[in-house]
Amino acid sequence: MAGANTAKFHNDMGVEIIEIGAREFECIGAKPPFDHPHIYLEMGNSNEVICPYCSTLYRHNDTLAGNGAIPEQAKLVE
């Protein structure tokens, strides 16, 4: 699953829920240097998954592109 095209998200904003277009992605918590271990998450058949490190709830939104997010600033731009 993990690869160069894997969508990456963070929660510097401290919101409870981030809607994303991807079902498989990487959560880094906050931006470096305050990030948690980078973890790859999969939603599987569910529409939601909670990051076990930062407790952010990621919810799938099929109207978004694979790297799309609400709020938009949750997308990690490297």
Protein backbone atom coordinates (compact mmCIF):
# COMPACT_ATOMS: atom_id res chain seq x y z
CA MET A 1 0.00 0.00 0.00
CA ALA A 2 2.65 2.56 1.00
CA GLY A 3 4.32 4.29 -1.87
CA ALA A 4 5.35 7.56 -3.44
CA ASN A 5 1.76 8.36 -4.41
CA THR A 6 0.26 7.68 -0.98
CA ALA A 7 -1.86 10.60 0.24
CA LYS A 8 -0.48 12.20 3.42
CA PHE A 9 -2.46 14.18 5.97
CA HIS A 10 -1.79 16.08 9.20
CA ASN A 11 -3.93 17.70 11.87
CA ASP A 12 -2.08 20.87 12.88
CA MET A 13 -5.49 22.54 13.09
CA GLY A 14 -6.60 20.26 15.92
CA VAL A 15 -9.97 19.41 14.35
CA GLU A 16 -11.87 16.29 15.44
CA ILE A 17 -12.79 15.07 11.94
CA ILE A 18 -10.96 15.32 8.62
CA GLU A 19 -12.82 14.28 5.49
CA ILE A 20 -10.57 12.76 2.83
CA GLY A 21 -10.88 11.27 -0.64
CA ALA A 22 -8.44 8.40 0.00
CA ARG A 23 -9.23 5.10 1.70
CA GLU A 24 -5.53 4.30 2.23
CA PHE A 25 -3.26 7.09 3.45
CA GLU A 26 -0.52 8.22 5.82
CA CYS A 27 -1.22 10.21 9.00
CA ILE A 28 1.68 12.16 10.50
CA GLY A 29 -0.24 13.89 13.31
CA ALA A 30 1.15 17.42 13.29
CA LYS A 31 3.75 18.88 10.96
CA PRO A 32 7.41 18.24 11.88
CA PRO A 33 8.97 18.60 14.35
CA PHE A 34 5.79 17.86 16.30
CA ASP A 35 4.73 14.85 14.22
CA HIS A 36 3.98 11.42 15.65
CA PRO A 37 5.33 8.23 14.05
CA HIS A 38 4.09 8.24 10.47
CA ILE A 39 1.43 5.56 10.22
CA TYR A 40 -0.34 4.08 7.21
CA LEU A 41 -4.08 3.63 7.71
CA GLU A 42 -6.70 1.78 5.67
CA MET A 43 -10.46 2.19 5.93
CA GLY A 44 -11.27 -1.17 4.37
CA ASN A 45 -15.06 -1.57 4.08
CA SER A 46 -15.68 1.21 6.61
CA ASN A 47 -16.01 4.90 5.82
CA GLU A 48 -14.02 5.99 8.88
CA VAL A 49 -10.80 5.22 10.70
CA ILE A 50 -9.25 6.73 13.84
CA CYS A 51 -5.51 7.31 14.04
CA PRO A 52 -4.25 5.42 17.12
CA TYR A 53 -1.61 8.10 17.81
CA CYS A 54 -3.43 11.43 17.49
CA SER A 55 -7.06 10.22 17.67
CA THR A 56 -8.03 12.14 14.54
CA LEU A 57 -11.14 10.68 12.93
CA TYR A 58 -10.68 10.38 9.18
CA ARG A 59 -13.93 10.07 7.23
CA HIS A 60 -14.09 9.10 3.55
CA ASN A 61 -15.79 11.59 1.25
CA ASP A 62 -16.18 10.22 -2.27
CA THR A 63 -16.70 13.70 -3.73
CA LEU A 64 -13.03 14.52 -3.00
CA ALA A 65 -10.01 13.57 -5.10
CA GLY A 66 -7.71 10.93 -3.60
CA ASN A 67 -5.50 13.54 -1.93
CA GLY A 68 -8.36 15.94 -1.22
CA ALA A 69 -9.31 16.96 2.31
CA ILE A 70 -11.78 19.05 4.28
CA PRO A 71 -10.31 21.16 5.76
CA GLU A 72 -8.06 21.57 2.73
CA GLN A 73 -5.02 22.53 4.84
CA ALA A 74 -4.94 18.96 6.24
CA LYS A 75 -3.19 17.81 3.03
CA LEU A 76 0.54 17.49 3.60
CA VAL A 77 2.43 19.40 0.92
CA GLU A 78 6.05 18.31 0.78
